[in-house]
Amino acid sequence: MATPKIVLFYVFAPLPDPEAIRLWQLALASASDLRGRIIVSSHGINVTVGGDLPDVKRYVRATRQYPPFADIDVKWSPGAGADFPRLSVRVRPEIVTFGAPSRIHVDGDGIVGGGVHLSAEQVNELVMRRGDEVVFLDGRNEIEAQIGRFRNAVVPPAQTTRDLLTLVDGGQFDEYRNRPVVTYCTGGVRCEVLSALLVDRGFSEVYQIDGGIVRYGEQYGDDGLWQGSMYVFDGRMSIDFSDHAAVIGQCRRCGSPTKNVANYPDADGRDLVVVCQACVNA
């Protein structure tokens, strides 16, 4: 029986014909019986899909044949296409919705004017050298940070990615302008944009974790600066990097420790909350 896998990757590159890329990606993913989400824009592509390992590998190989996608950094994790309800391949103004497509500029090397990419090792080295001066800025929605985040991270009160743009433009983080700011998100794509917005606002020292939380967790598990579980946008809801991941979330209803995220109280609704399984079943 084939091993199921989920892959996550993105590329910022000028795409003159996003609709042609959409049709090509739809054909590739459909032929491999994959499910998940593929977003294409004139800025690039953002992909999270799953399926049987041979099918996923075939899809990745075919995608890499397109020159702008030849060097995609693919993150692999346990999971399956069944973790997604269907395959969705769409063209949108942005591959991650900040609501500011005109403020993002890309060239053959990616986003223009973004933060400095740091490997997991370089992140730890920066903290070793600069200590509490370093600011970790969570580039995700607030609920994602409730179950996992970097120690002492600044967690914005963001319900959507668009909220981050409003917070940056409103000066919410200006007190950190002259400190080293390390932005982070799941796989890195949101921080590509967030770091560029911070640089544009005049922040003097902006970094982002190359490959996001995924790459850091692969390197250090739960024995580094990360704590808790990583929220994911599929049927798994969260993943752990080790067998000793801390449980830092608290059930909204009873306050008990939990990493469980669910639609509550309406299981078919859109309001995700951190809530323990006992309370979901009550």
C-alpha atoms as a PDB file:
ATOM      1  CA  MET A   1       0.000   0.000   0.000  1.00  0.00           C
ATOM      2  CA  ALA A   2       1.368   3.413  -1.020  1.00  0.00           C
ATOM      3  CA  THR A   3       2.487   5.838   1.677  1.00  0.00           C
ATOM      4  CA  PRO A   4       0.448   9.053   1.687  1.00  0.00           C
ATOM      5  CA  LYS A   5       2.230  12.422   1.879  1.00  0.00           C
ATOM      6  CA  ILE A   6       1.396  16.106   1.949  1.00  0.00           C
ATOM      7  CA  VAL A   7       3.707  18.636   0.312  1.00  0.00           C
ATOM      8  CA  LEU A   8       3.934  22.366   0.837  1.00  0.00           C
ATOM      9  CA  PHE A   9       5.844  24.835  -1.324  1.00  0.00           C
ATOM     10  CA  TYR A  10       5.690  28.304  -2.809  1.00  0.00           C
ATOM     11  CA  VAL A  11       7.588  30.379  -5.346  1.00  0.00           C
ATOM     12  CA  PHE A  12       7.628  34.127  -5.802  1.00  0.00           C
ATOM     13  CA  ALA A  13       8.408  34.761  -9.478  1.00  0.00           C
ATOM     14  CA  PRO A  14       6.853  36.864 -12.248  1.00  0.00           C
ATOM     15  CA  LEU A  15       4.199  34.807 -14.047  1.00  0.00           C
ATOM     16  CA  PRO A  16       2.939  36.639 -17.154  1.00  0.00           C
ATOM     17  CA  ASP A  17       0.029  34.223 -17.735  1.00  0.00           C
ATOM     18  CA  PRO A  18      -1.366  32.950 -14.399  1.00  0.00           C
ATOM     19  CA  GLU A  19      -4.395  31.348 -16.081  1.00  0.00           C
ATOM     20  CA  ALA A  20      -2.161  29.164 -18.238  1.00  0.00           C
ATOM     21  CA  ILE A  21      -0.269  28.093 -15.118  1.00  0.00           C
ATOM     22  CA  ARG A  22      -3.583  27.340 -13.385  1.00  0.00           C
ATOM     23  CA  LEU A  23      -4.762  25.068 -16.211  1.00  0.00           C
ATOM     24  CA  TRP A  24      -1.395  23.280 -16.312  1.00  0.00           C
ATOM     25  CA  GLN A  25      -1.357  22.762 -12.536  1.00  0.00           C
ATOM     26  CA  LEU A  26      -4.959  21.568 -12.555  1.00  0.00           C
ATOM     27  CA  ALA A  27      -4.105  18.985 -15.197  1.00  0.00           C
ATOM     28  CA  LEU A  28      -0.974  17.815 -13.335  1.00  0.00           C
ATOM     29  CA  ALA A  29      -2.625  17.523  -9.928  1.00  0.00           C
ATOM     30  CA  SER A  30      -5.779  15.891 -11.319  1.00  0.00           C
ATOM     31  CA  ALA A  31      -3.758  13.325 -13.280  1.00  0.00           C
ATOM     32  CA  SER A  32      -1.987  12.389 -10.032  1.00  0.00           C
ATOM     33  CA  ASP A  33      -5.278  12.217  -8.089  1.00  0.00           C
ATOM     34  CA  LEU A  34      -4.109  14.851  -5.606  1.00  0.00           C
ATOM     35  CA  ARG A  35      -6.232  16.998  -3.337  1.00  0.00           C
ATOM     36  CA  GLY A  36      -5.438  20.304  -1.722  1.00  0.00           C
ATOM     37  CA  ARG A  37      -5.061  23.977  -2.635  1.00  0.00           C
ATOM     38  CA  ILE A  38      -3.039  25.610  -5.390  1.00  0.00           C
ATOM     39  CA  ILE A  39      -3.100  29.395  -5.698  1.00  0.00           C
ATOM     40  CA  VAL A  40      -1.569  31.142  -8.708  1.00  0.00           C
ATOM     41  CA  SER A  41      -1.047  34.865  -9.253  1.00  0.00           C
ATOM     42  CA  SER A  42       1.185  37.129 -11.303  1.00  0.00           C
ATOM     43  CA  HIS A  43       3.504  37.013  -8.248  1.00  0.00           C
ATOM     44  CA  GLY A  44       3.975  33.230  -8.195  1.00  0.00           C
ATOM     45  CA  ILE A  45       2.427  30.044  -6.836  1.00  0.00           C
ATOM     46  CA  ASN A  46       1.485  28.649  -3.415  1.00  0.00           C
ATOM     47  CA  VAL A  47       0.803  24.907  -3.084  1.00  0.00           C
ATOM     48  CA  THR A  48      -0.399  22.504  -0.402  1.00  0.00           C
ATOM     49  CA  VAL A  49      -1.463  19.134  -1.829  1.00  0.00           C
ATOM     50  CA  GLY A  50      -1.527  15.509  -0.731  1.00  0.00           C
ATOM     51  CA  GLY A  51      -1.865  12.022  -2.107  1.00  0.00           C
ATOM     52  CA  ASP A  52      -0.034   8.717  -2.460  1.00  0.00           C
ATOM     53  CA  LEU A  53       3.737   9.150  -2.401  1.00  0.00           C
ATOM     54  CA  PRO A  54       4.433   8.020  -6.014  1.00  0.00           C
ATOM     55  CA  ASP A  55       1.722  10.373  -7.287  1.00  0.00           C
ATOM     56  CA  VAL A  56       3.002  13.311  -5.249  1.00  0.00           C
ATOM     57  CA  LYS A  57       6.558  12.698  -6.457  1.00  0.00           C
ATOM     58  CA  ARG A  58       5.359  12.614 -10.071  1.00  0.00           C
ATOM     59  CA  TYR A  59       3.536  15.909  -9.595  1.00  0.00           C
ATOM     60  CA  VAL A  60       6.586  17.577  -7.989  1.00  0.00           C
ATOM     61  CA  ARG A  61       8.895  16.366 -10.775  1.00  0.00           C
ATOM     62  CA  ALA A  62       6.547  17.720 -13.443  1.00  0.00           C
ATOM     63  CA  THR A  63       6.179  21.062 -11.656  1.00  0.00           C
ATOM     64  CA  ARG A  64       9.957  21.465 -11.487  1.00  0.00           C
ATOM     65  CA  GLN A  65      10.167  21.211 -15.274  1.00  0.00           C
ATOM     66  CA  TYR A  66       8.871  24.785 -15.524  1.00  0.00           C
ATOM     67  CA  PRO A  67      12.045  26.943 -15.189  1.00  0.00           C
ATOM     68  CA  PRO A  68      10.748  29.442 -12.563  1.00  0.00           C
ATOM     69  CA  PHE A  69       9.760  26.457 -10.384  1.00  0.00           C
ATOM     70  CA  ALA A  70      12.920  24.397 -10.912  1.00  0.00           C
ATOM     71  CA  ASP A  71      14.340  25.116  -7.449  1.00  0.00           C
ATOM     72  CA  ILE A  72      11.179  24.837  -5.337  1.00  0.00           C
ATOM     73  CA  ASP A  73      11.832  24.077  -1.666  1.00  0.00           C
ATOM     74  CA  VAL A  74       9.361  21.268  -1.012  1.00  0.00           C
ATOM     75  CA  LYS A  75       8.370  20.495   2.585  1.00  0.00           C
ATOM     76  CA  TRP A  76       7.110  16.929   3.073  1.00  0.00           C
ATOM     77  CA  SER A  77       4.939  15.756   5.955  1.00  0.00           C
ATOM     78  CA  PRO A  78       2.764  12.748   6.857  1.00  0.00           C
ATOM     79  CA  GLY A  79      -0.783  13.079   5.596  1.00  0.00           C
ATOM     80  CA  ALA A  80      -2.969  12.285   2.618  1.00  0.00           C
ATOM     81  CA  GLY A  81      -5.194  13.833  -0.002  1.00  0.00           C
ATOM     82  CA  ALA A  82      -8.099  12.696   2.156  1.00  0.00           C
ATOM     83  CA  ASP A  83      -7.070  15.415   4.627  1.00  0.00           C
ATOM     84  CA  PHE A  84      -8.483  17.882   2.072  1.00  0.00           C
ATOM     85  CA  PRO A  85     -12.112  17.945   0.855  1.00  0.00           C
ATOM     86  CA  ARG A  86     -11.154  18.371  -2.822  1.00  0.00           C
ATOM     87  CA  LEU A  87      -8.627  19.814  -5.241  1.00  0.00           C
ATOM     88  CA  SER A  88      -8.848  23.597  -5.667  1.00  0.00           C
ATOM     89  CA  VAL A  89      -6.695  25.418  -8.241  1.00  0.00           C
ATOM     90  CA  ARG A  90      -7.395  29.147  -8.510  1.00  0.00           C
ATOM     91  CA  VAL A  91      -5.966  32.388  -9.841  1.00  0.00           C
ATOM     92  CA  ARG A  92      -5.992  35.220  -7.309  1.00  0.00           C
ATOM     93  CA  PRO A  93      -4.412  38.690  -7.062  1.00  0.00           C
ATOM     94  CA  GLU A  94      -1.986  37.393  -4.391  1.00  0.00           C
ATOM     95  CA  ILE A  95      -0.726  33.947  -3.436  1.00  0.00           C
ATOM     96  CA  VAL A  96      -1.209  34.935   0.200  1.00  0.00           C
ATOM     97  CA  THR A  97      -3.993  37.436   0.831  1.00  0.00           C
ATOM     98  CA  PHE A  98      -2.643  40.550   2.500  1.00  0.00           C
ATOM     99  CA  GLY A  99      -4.860  42.766   0.373  1.00  0.00           C
ATOM    100  CA  ALA A 100      -1.928  44.698  -1.087  1.00  0.00           C
ATOM    101  CA  PRO A 101      -0.975  43.205  -4.473  1.00  0.00           C
ATOM    102  CA  SER A 102       0.264  46.540  -5.807  1.00  0.00           C
ATOM    103  CA  ARG A 103       2.772  46.837  -2.949  1.00  0.00           C
ATOM    104  CA  ILE A 104       4.473  43.526  -3.679  1.00  0.00           C
ATOM    105  CA  HIS A 105       7.143  43.411  -6.371  1.00  0.00           C
ATOM    106  CA  VAL A 106       8.861  40.264  -7.546  1.00  0.00           C
ATOM    107  CA  ASP A 107      11.707  39.433  -9.879  1.00  0.00           C
ATOM    108  CA  GLY A 108      13.599  36.274 -10.763  1.00  0.00           C
ATOM    109  CA  ASP A 109      15.066  36.138  -7.260  1.00  0.00           C
ATOM    110  CA  GLY A 110      11.723  36.420  -5.424  1.00  0.00           C
ATOM    111  CA  ILE A 111      10.188  39.305  -3.512  1.00  0.00           C
ATOM    112  CA  VAL A 112      12.056  42.586  -3.899  1.00  0.00           C
ATOM    113  CA  GLY A 113      13.023  44.255  -0.620  1.00  0.00           C
ATOM    114  CA  GLY A 114      12.134  41.459   1.782  1.00  0.00           C
ATOM    115  CA  GLY A 115      13.841  40.360   4.976  1.00  0.00           C
ATOM    116  CA  VAL A 116      17.082  38.397   5.240  1.00  0.00           C
ATOM    117  CA  HIS A 117      16.517  34.636   5.191  1.00  0.00           C
ATOM    118  CA  LEU A 118      17.954  32.767   8.158  1.00  0.00           C
ATOM    119  CA  SER A 119      18.374  29.005   8.457  1.00  0.00           C
ATOM    120  CA  ALA A 120      17.267  27.322  11.682  1.00  0.00           C
ATOM    121  CA  GLU A 121      20.880  27.296  12.880  1.00  0.00           C
ATOM    122  CA  GLN A 122      21.299  30.986  12.087  1.00  0.00           C
ATOM    123  CA  VAL A 123      18.147  31.811  14.048  1.00  0.00           C
ATOM    124  CA  ASN A 124      19.597  30.134  17.130  1.00  0.00           C
ATOM    125  CA  GLU A 125      22.952  31.829  16.584  1.00  0.00           C
ATOM    126  CA  LEU A 126      21.237  35.235  16.361  1.00  0.00           C
ATOM    127  CA  VAL A 127      19.463  34.618  19.665  1.00  0.00           C
ATOM    128  CA  MET A 128      22.714  33.426  21.248  1.00  0.00           C
ATOM    129  CA  ARG A 129      24.446  36.659  20.202  1.00  0.00           C
ATOM    130  CA  ARG A 130      21.661  39.187  20.733  1.00  0.00           C
ATOM    131  CA  GLY A 131      19.569  37.548  23.483  1.00  0.00           C
ATOM    132  CA  ASP A 132      16.340  39.256  24.512  1.00  0.00           C
ATOM    133  CA  GLU A 133      16.963  42.014  21.984  1.00  0.00           C
ATOM    134  CA  VAL A 134      15.635  39.651  19.295  1.00  0.00           C
ATOM    135  CA  VAL A 135      11.892  39.928  18.594  1.00  0.00           C
ATOM    136  CA  PHE A 136      10.031  36.949  17.155  1.00  0.00           C
ATOM    137  CA  LEU A 137       6.985  38.258  15.265  1.00  0.00           C
ATOM    138  CA  ASP A 138       4.286  35.700  14.480  1.00  0.00           C
ATOM    139  CA  GLY A 139       3.057  36.180  10.923  1.00  0.00           C
ATOM    140  CA  ARG A 140       0.018  33.922  11.297  1.00  0.00           C
ATOM    141  CA  ASN A 141      -3.529  34.257  12.557  1.00  0.00           C
ATOM    142  CA  GLU A 142      -3.893  34.530  16.318  1.00  0.00           C
ATOM    143  CA  ILE A 143      -5.561  31.117  16.730  1.00  0.00           C
ATOM    144  CA  GLU A 144      -2.560  29.377  15.159  1.00  0.00           C
ATOM    145  CA  ALA A 145      -0.280  30.858  17.812  1.00  0.00           C
ATOM    146  CA  GLN A 146      -2.544  29.667  20.611  1.00  0.00           C
ATOM    147  CA  ILE A 147      -1.348  26.073  20.175  1.00  0.00           C
ATOM    148  CA  GLY A 148       2.269  26.728  19.174  1.00  0.00           C
ATOM    149  CA  ARG A 149       4.723  29.610  18.881  1.00  0.00           C
ATOM    150  CA  PHE A 150       8.314  30.664  19.441  1.00  0.00           C
ATOM    151  CA  ARG A 151       9.177  31.521  23.025  1.00  0.00           C
ATOM    152  CA  ASN A 152       8.260  35.070  24.015  1.00  0.00           C
ATOM    153  CA  ALA A 153       6.984  35.778  20.514  1.00  0.00           C
ATOM    154  CA  VAL A 154       4.892  38.835  19.710  1.00  0.00           C
ATOM    155  CA  VAL A 155       1.503  37.450  18.646  1.00  0.00           C
ATOM    156  CA  PRO A 156      -0.551  40.020  16.718  1.00  0.00           C
ATOM    157  CA  PRO A 157      -4.335  40.100  17.289  1.00  0.00           C
ATOM    158  CA  ALA A 158      -4.896  39.018  13.680  1.00  0.00           C
ATOM    159  CA  GLN A 159      -7.976  37.046  12.670  1.00  0.00           C
ATOM    160  CA  THR A 160      -6.983  37.075   8.986  1.00  0.00           C
ATOM    161  CA  THR A 161      -3.807  37.762   7.048  1.00  0.00           C
ATOM    162  CA  ARG A 162      -5.306  41.062   5.911  1.00  0.00           C
ATOM    163  CA  ASP A 163      -5.279  42.168   9.551  1.00  0.00           C
ATOM    164  CA  LEU A 164      -1.475  42.013   9.551  1.00  0.00           C
ATOM    165  CA  LEU A 165      -1.312  44.697   6.861  1.00  0.00           C
ATOM    166  CA  THR A 166      -3.612  46.929   8.892  1.00  0.00           C
ATOM    167  CA  LEU A 167      -1.493  46.391  12.016  1.00  0.00           C
ATOM    168  CA  VAL A 168       1.792  47.138  10.218  1.00  0.00           C
ATOM    169  CA  ASP A 169       0.404  50.267   8.547  1.00  0.00           C
ATOM    170  CA  GLY A 170      -1.149  51.368  11.832  1.00  0.00           C
ATOM    171  CA  GLY A 171       2.191  51.294  13.639  1.00  0.00           C
ATOM    172  CA  GLN A 172       1.338  48.336  15.884  1.00  0.00           C
ATOM    173  CA  PHE A 173       4.927  47.049  15.787  1.00  0.00           C
ATOM    174  CA  ASP A 174       6.842  50.320  15.455  1.00  0.00           C
ATOM    175  CA  GLU A 175       8.397  49.950  18.915  1.00  0.00           C
ATOM    176  CA  TYR A 176      10.547  47.166  17.411  1.00  0.00           C
ATOM    177  CA  ARG A 177      11.822  49.227  14.447  1.00  0.00           C
ATOM    178  CA  ASN A 178      15.396  49.332  15.709  1.00  0.00           C
ATOM    179  CA  ARG A 179      15.582  45.791  17.053  1.00  0.00           C
ATOM    180  CA  PRO A 180      16.298  42.548  15.151  1.00  0.00           C
ATOM    181  CA  VAL A 181      12.857  41.234  14.140  1.00  0.00           C
ATOM    182  CA  VAL A 182      12.511  37.581  13.088  1.00  0.00           C
ATOM    183  CA  THR A 183       9.228  36.958  11.289  1.00  0.00           C
ATOM    184  CA  TYR A 184       7.889  33.421  11.081  1.00  0.00           C
ATOM    185  CA  CYS A 185       4.920  31.492   9.710  1.00  0.00           C
ATOM    186  CA  THR A 186       4.107  27.907   8.748  1.00  0.00           C
ATOM    187  CA  GLY A 187       6.146  27.396   5.591  1.00  0.00           C
ATOM    188  CA  GLY A 188       7.549  30.866   5.002  1.00  0.00           C
ATOM    189  CA  VAL A 189       5.216  32.341   2.393  1.00  0.00           C
ATOM    190  CA  ARG A 190       3.379  34.825   4.612  1.00  0.00           C
ATOM    191  CA  CYS A 191       6.677  36.085   6.020  1.00  0.00           C
ATOM    192  CA  GLU A 192       7.996  36.834   2.555  1.00  0.00           C
ATOM    193  CA  VAL A 193       5.308  39.511   2.314  1.00  0.00           C
ATOM    194  CA  LEU A 194       5.266  40.543   5.979  1.00  0.00           C
ATOM    195  CA  SER A 195       9.018  41.114   6.084  1.00  0.00           C
ATOM    196  CA  ALA A 196       8.847  43.249   2.927  1.00  0.00           C
ATOM    197  CA  LEU A 197       6.081  45.362   4.481  1.00  0.00           C
ATOM    198  CA  LEU A 198       8.189  45.874   7.615  1.00  0.00           C
ATOM    199  CA  VAL A 199      11.257  46.862   5.592  1.00  0.00           C
ATOM    200  CA  ASP A 200       9.118  49.285   3.590  1.00  0.00           C
ATOM    201  CA  ARG A 201       7.918  50.846   6.848  1.00  0.00           C
ATOM    202  CA  GLY A 202      11.474  51.549   7.936  1.00  0.00           C
ATOM    203  CA  PHE A 203      12.358  48.592  10.171  1.00  0.00           C
ATOM    204  CA  SER A 204      16.134  48.455  10.300  1.00  0.00           C
ATOM    205  CA  GLU A 205      16.840  44.737  10.799  1.00  0.00           C
ATOM    206  CA  VAL A 206      14.261  42.285   9.480  1.00  0.00           C
ATOM    207  CA  TYR A 207      14.725  38.542   9.128  1.00  0.00           C
ATOM    208  CA  GLN A 208      12.549  35.577   8.252  1.00  0.00           C
ATOM    209  CA  ILE A 209      13.045  31.899   8.981  1.00  0.00           C
ATOM    210  CA  ASP A 210      13.877  30.167   5.720  1.00  0.00           C
ATOM    211  CA  GLY A 211      11.240  27.498   5.242  1.00  0.00           C
ATOM    212  CA  GLY A 212       9.231  28.754   8.206  1.00  0.00           C
ATOM    213  CA  ILE A 213       8.282  26.785  11.289  1.00  0.00           C
ATOM    214  CA  VAL A 214       8.377  23.583   9.233  1.00  0.00           C
ATOM    215  CA  ARG A 215      12.113  23.784   8.558  1.00  0.00           C
ATOM    216  CA  TYR A 216      12.922  24.917  12.090  1.00  0.00           C
ATOM    217  CA  GLY A 217      10.904  22.054  13.556  1.00  0.00           C
ATOM    218  CA  GLU A 218      12.576  19.534  11.272  1.00  0.00           C
ATOM    219  CA  GLN A 219      15.966  20.707  12.538  1.00  0.00           C
ATOM    220  CA  TYR A 220      15.321  21.113  16.255  1.00  0.00           C
ATOM    221  CA  GLY A 221      12.003  19.420  17.002  1.00  0.00           C
ATOM    222  CA  ASP A 222      10.918  20.530  20.461  1.00  0.00           C
ATOM    223  CA  ASP A 223      14.443  21.025  21.757  1.00  0.00           C
ATOM    224  CA  GLY A 224      14.973  24.524  20.412  1.00  0.00           C
ATOM    225  CA  LEU A 225      13.104  27.819  20.587  1.00  0.00           C
ATOM    226  CA  TRP A 226       9.788  26.469  19.301  1.00  0.00           C
ATOM    227  CA  GLN A 227       7.131  25.273  21.726  1.00  0.00           C
ATOM    228  CA  GLY A 228       3.833  23.506  21.158  1.00  0.00           C
ATOM    229  CA  SER A 229       2.099  22.193  18.039  1.00  0.00           C
ATOM    230  CA  MET A 230       2.033  23.665  14.536  1.00  0.00           C
ATOM    231  CA  TYR A 231      -1.388  24.475  13.132  1.00  0.00           C
ATOM    232  CA  VAL A 232      -2.013  23.248   9.571  1.00  0.00           C
ATOM    233  CA  PHE A 233      -4.805  24.085   7.147  1.00  0.00           C
ATOM    234  CA  ASP A 234      -6.152  20.606   6.464  1.00  0.00           C
ATOM    235  CA  GLY A 235      -7.948  17.761   8.183  1.00  0.00           C
ATOM    236  CA  ARG A 236      -5.016  17.084  10.506  1.00  0.00           C
ATOM    237  CA  MET A 237      -5.460  20.562  12.099  1.00  0.00           C
ATOM    238  CA  SER A 238      -2.040  20.366  13.803  1.00  0.00           C
ATOM    239  CA  ILE A 239       1.214  18.422  13.767  1.00  0.00           C
ATOM    240  CA  ASP A 240       3.955  17.865  16.369  1.00  0.00           C
ATOM    241  CA  PHE A 241       7.686  17.773  15.755  1.00  0.00           C
ATOM    242  CA  SER A 242       8.454  15.191  18.452  1.00  0.00           C
ATOM    243  CA  ASP A 243       6.890  12.842  20.985  1.00  0.00           C
ATOM    244  CA  HIS A 244       7.450  15.409  23.743  1.00  0.00           C
ATOM    245  CA  ALA A 245       5.796  18.483  22.251  1.00  0.00           C
ATOM    246  CA  ALA A 246       4.511  20.871  24.905  1.00  0.00           C
ATOM    247  CA  VAL A 247       0.755  21.413  25.091  1.00  0.00           C
ATOM    248  CA  ILE A 248       0.388  25.180  25.451  1.00  0.00           C
ATOM    249  CA  GLY A 249      -3.171  25.688  24.184  1.00  0.00           C
ATOM    250  CA  GLN A 250      -6.070  26.115  26.583  1.00  0.00           C
ATOM    251  CA  CYS A 251      -9.628  24.997  25.970  1.00  0.00           C
ATOM    252  CA  ARG A 252     -11.846  28.045  25.528  1.00  0.00           C
ATOM    253  CA  ARG A 253     -14.664  26.335  27.408  1.00  0.00           C
ATOM    254  CA  CYS A 254     -13.026  24.572  30.377  1.00  0.00           C
ATOM    255  CA  GLY A 255      -9.462  25.921  30.383  1.00  0.00           C
ATOM    256  CA  SER A 256      -7.767  22.531  30.273  1.00  0.00           C
ATOM    257  CA  PRO A 257      -4.523  22.086  28.269  1.00  0.00           C
ATOM    258  CA  THR A 258      -5.206  21.053  24.673  1.00  0.00           C
ATOM    259  CA  LYS A 259      -3.868  21.383  21.148  1.00  0.00           C
ATOM    260  CA  ASN A 260      -7.247  20.531  19.631  1.00  0.00           C
ATOM    261  CA  VAL A 261      -8.696  23.078  17.192  1.00  0.00           C
ATOM    262  CA  ALA A 262     -12.242  22.663  15.918  1.00  0.00           C
ATOM    263  CA  ASN A 263     -15.304  24.439  14.628  1.00  0.00           C
ATOM    264  CA  TYR A 264     -17.214  25.102  17.834  1.00  0.00           C
ATOM    265  CA  PRO A 265     -19.985  25.214  18.877  1.00  0.00           C
ATOM    266  CA  ASP A 266     -21.194  24.639  15.291  1.00  0.00           C
ATOM    267  CA  ALA A 267     -19.244  21.777  13.765  1.00  0.00           C
ATOM    268  CA  ASP A 268     -20.198  22.996  10.281  1.00  0.00           C
ATOM    269  CA  GLY A 269     -19.408  26.642  10.973  1.00  0.00           C
ATOM    270  CA  ARG A 270     -16.400  28.779  10.100  1.00  0.00           C
ATOM    271  CA  ASP A 271     -15.365  29.847  13.608  1.00  0.00           C
ATOM    272  CA  LEU A 272     -12.326  27.835  14.678  1.00  0.00           C
ATOM    273  CA  VAL A 273     -11.505  27.777  18.382  1.00  0.00           C
ATOM    274  CA  VAL A 274      -9.087  25.926  20.639  1.00  0.00           C
ATOM    275  CA  VAL A 275     -11.352  23.508  22.470  1.00  0.00           C
ATOM    276  CA  CYS A 276     -10.641  20.109  24.059  1.00  0.00           C
ATOM    277  CA  GLN A 277     -12.249  17.010  22.619  1.00  0.00           C
ATOM    278  CA  ALA A 278     -14.208  16.407  25.843  1.00  0.00           C
ATOM    279  CA  CYS A 279     -15.939  19.752  25.462  1.00  0.00           C
ATOM    280  CA  VAL A 280     -16.571  19.133  21.759  1.00  0.00           C
ATOM    281  CA  ASN A 281     -18.276  15.869  22.658  1.00  0.00           C
ATOM    282  CA  ALA A 282     -20.225  17.296  25.599  1.00  0.00           C
END
